[in-house]
Every structure is written in structure tokens, then in C-alpha cells.
Amino acid sequence: MRFGGRLSDRGAVFAFVLVVAVFAAGSFWWIYGSELAHGPPIRADGTGYYLYLPAALLGEDVTMERIAERSFEGRTSEWVRRVPPHNRYLGKFPIGEAMMLLPFFLLGDAMARLSGAAADGFSTPYQVAAAAAGLVYALVGLAQLGLVLLRWFSRSTVVMTLVTITFGTALFHYATYDAVFSHAFSFFLVATIIRLGLSVHERPRPRSAIALGLAFGLLVAVRPTNAALVVFISLLGVSSLRDAVERPKALLRQAPLLAAGLGAFVVPLLPQLAYWHTITGKLYVYTYGDEHLDLLHPHVLDVLFSVRKGLFFWAPLLLLAVFGLALVRRYADGILVPAAAYLGVNAWVIASWSTWWYGGSLGQRAFVEALPVFALGIAALIETVRGRVARWVLVTALALATLLAVHSMVAYWTESIPFDGTTWDTYVRSFRIG
């Protein structure tokens, strides 16, 4: 796999990641030291993704009966529900994040036993380990994204892009405050898959195809709707209608590599299939109850522009990223079409979810995993704008957009902005001092 940029350029990326780690450590201390967080790190949706580990490894019971009685007094309806034919508990959320959490869980378990803390999966060592997992995956995802951007853009552009993507969106929030939610894990996987996809496109080899398949399978095992990224990967290198028409033929010419990748893709999905079969006797079970995708009736305007959870309202930086995508072709031929197609399809899928506001959360959280693709537009915009006045205007716009996002994050942490149901009046009041 080709690394992007010179050694000094890569050093700048890693230095930035280290700075983010320091900021994150300070944020953890502030959040949990001053009791800003609503509960420990493993909470809300994060609990549903995490439950599989203490249930299987500590309770030795994948039905979750024991863990439900021991840790939640039987009240787990938010994360599991009883299903036929045996009336057993079935987890609502996919198993992929638990697979990624496993090494951190084992570390937390070892710390709990060595320190004398309760080895129940939820004592402080487990909480720290789970929160650290989300942060570590986000940091490695940022490093991967930086290395991808260095293929086409200058060091200063890449660092500026990483700064704005980290703090001008909800990424930092989901790497710290809600680190056990699925989004930091998906962000890492998307950045990794883009890098692997470029490697396969430039130099097709079995090991790269297998690595890409494994990473993509894990991405879908974390959140099935992440499968929309297949649009980006399948269109890599396409820059014209002729390229698009020829792409199926090109894939057929690489049939052995395609087969290897597809075979690897299935592997991370097997634990999920095995779990469903163990609980219900079926290889597939829909676990989200009344929540569903309705692709014919998407809430596009609400998802993109509403005060409640609109993507561009909560992260105006990404509106600049969309404009910047039109400039990507100047630097990376064959990236514009897959990026634009993926962002369009992904937005449609996200907007088609029946609970389009995605519960209590900071901003439109379902787009966090798409940030590596949005970053391409930010980088192209920064790289293109020249001239003292134009540069000053752009830097000012990026700074204001980033500061607005940081304000929203801090206001969310301090409850000046509610977990859900934000109105324009509520948002304006969050700027008041005293």
C-alpha cells in the first residue's frame, strides 16, 4: 500500500493526531470529572452495541438473560427484546462494534481483576476501556484519512482539513462524549476502506482485495446502512459515462480478486448470522421493530437543513465541503464521481429512516461515517483558493463554521442545547452568557 506524502508530511499528520488525543484526554477529564455526562461512557445506544461482550464472555450466556438480570434488573427493552420461538432476548443492535471492542474489553477485564474492581463488564475499568476504544479508532481513522489526502494535497491543506473535520463536525463529540456509540468505529472503517480501495484500484493484488473485503464486511456488521459505501468503492476511477459503462467489464476481468474480496466480506458477518440462528433458528432477523427504511419517502429537507437535526445547520462546514467537491477533479481524477454518488445515495438512505432525527444526539450523527469523503471537498477547496483576499475569506468561513460547531458541542455537553427537539429559539438562547 502506498503511503501518501513525504515522511515530514506524514509526521505532520501524526503530530495533529497526537494533539487531538491530548484535547480528548482533557475533554474526558472535564466531562466525567465535572459530571457533565448523562451516565458513564457505556450508555444509551452504546450499551446495546456493547452488551454482547459481557453477556458472552462474563455471563457465558448469549441469550443475555443473566446479564439482563444482574446488571439491569431485567430492564433492557431499549436494547433487547424477546422473540419467538423460544421467547429469548435478542439484541437490537448489530454485533460488529462488539467485535471491534473485544481487545479493549479484555484489557478492561484484566484491569478490573488486577485492581479488585467488580468483574461485571460495567465497572470503571470496563467503562474506561470502552471509551478509550472509540477514541483510539477515531484517532487512527484521522491518521488514515490524512495519509489518503496527502496523495493529492499539500501538508498545510491536509492539516487544515483535519482540523476542520475534527472540530467543525460532530466527530470530536463521538470520539469523546459518546465514544461508545458506533460512529467513531464506522469513521475509522470508512477511512480505512477508502485507503484500501485506492490500493486495490492502483495495484490489484489478492491480499489487498481480501483486506478490503474484510474491512467492508466489518463496516456492514457495525451498521448495515454503511453498505452505501459500496457505491464509492465500485466507482473508484470512474470520471466519465464511458468509464461507468466499462466498469462492469473491468470487474469481470478481475473475477478472481472480486471473488476473494467477496469471500472475505462474508467472514465478519458470520458471528451475526450465528447469533441470530442461535436465538431464533433463523439466519436473518429484523431487530429494529417499528423503525424501518422507507426509500420512497425520505425526509431530505429535515435531515439536511432542519434546526432539529439538519446536517448543514449543525455542521455548516460540510456545506463548504459540498461546494469543494466540484474542484476535486483538478487533483484526483476518478474521485469526484464516486464521492458525489456515494454522498447522494448515503444521504437518501439516512433520510429514509423512519426516525430520521436518530434519537437524542448531537446533530445529524448518521453522517459521521461519511466525513472522510466530505474531507475531500474541504481539501480541494483549501488547495484551490489562492490570492490574499480570497484566502482570507475562506479561512474566515472555515473558522466561523468550526467555531459554531464547537459551540454547539459544548452547549450540548452543558445542556444549553437539549439532546433532541432543539428549536431556533433554544439555539439562539444557547449563545447567551450568564
Foldseek 3Di string as FASTA:
>chain_A
DDWFDDPVLLVLLLVLLVVLVVVQVVVQCVCVVVVLAPDFLCDQVLVLQQVQCLCCPVVVHNLCPVLCCPPPVVPDVRFWAQDDDVRTTDGQFFHLLNVLLVVLQVVLLVVCVVVVHDSRCPPDSNSVSLLQSLLVLLSLLSSLLLRVLSNFFDSVLSSLLSVLLCQLACNSVCSHSNSSQLLSVLQSLLSVLVSLLVVCVVPNDQVSLLVNLQSLLSNCSRPVLSVLLVLLSLQFQPQDPVCVVCSVVVCVVVVVSNVSSPVSSCVSVVVRQVSCCVNYVGSDDNRNPPKDFDLVDFPLCCCQPNPFAHRCVLRVVLVQLVVLLVQLCVGGNRRSVSLVSSVVVSSSRLRRIPPSNPFQDRHRSSCSSVSSSSSSSSSSVQRPDDDDVRNVVVVVVSVVSSVSNNLSSVCPSNVLADSGDDDPVSSVSSPDDD
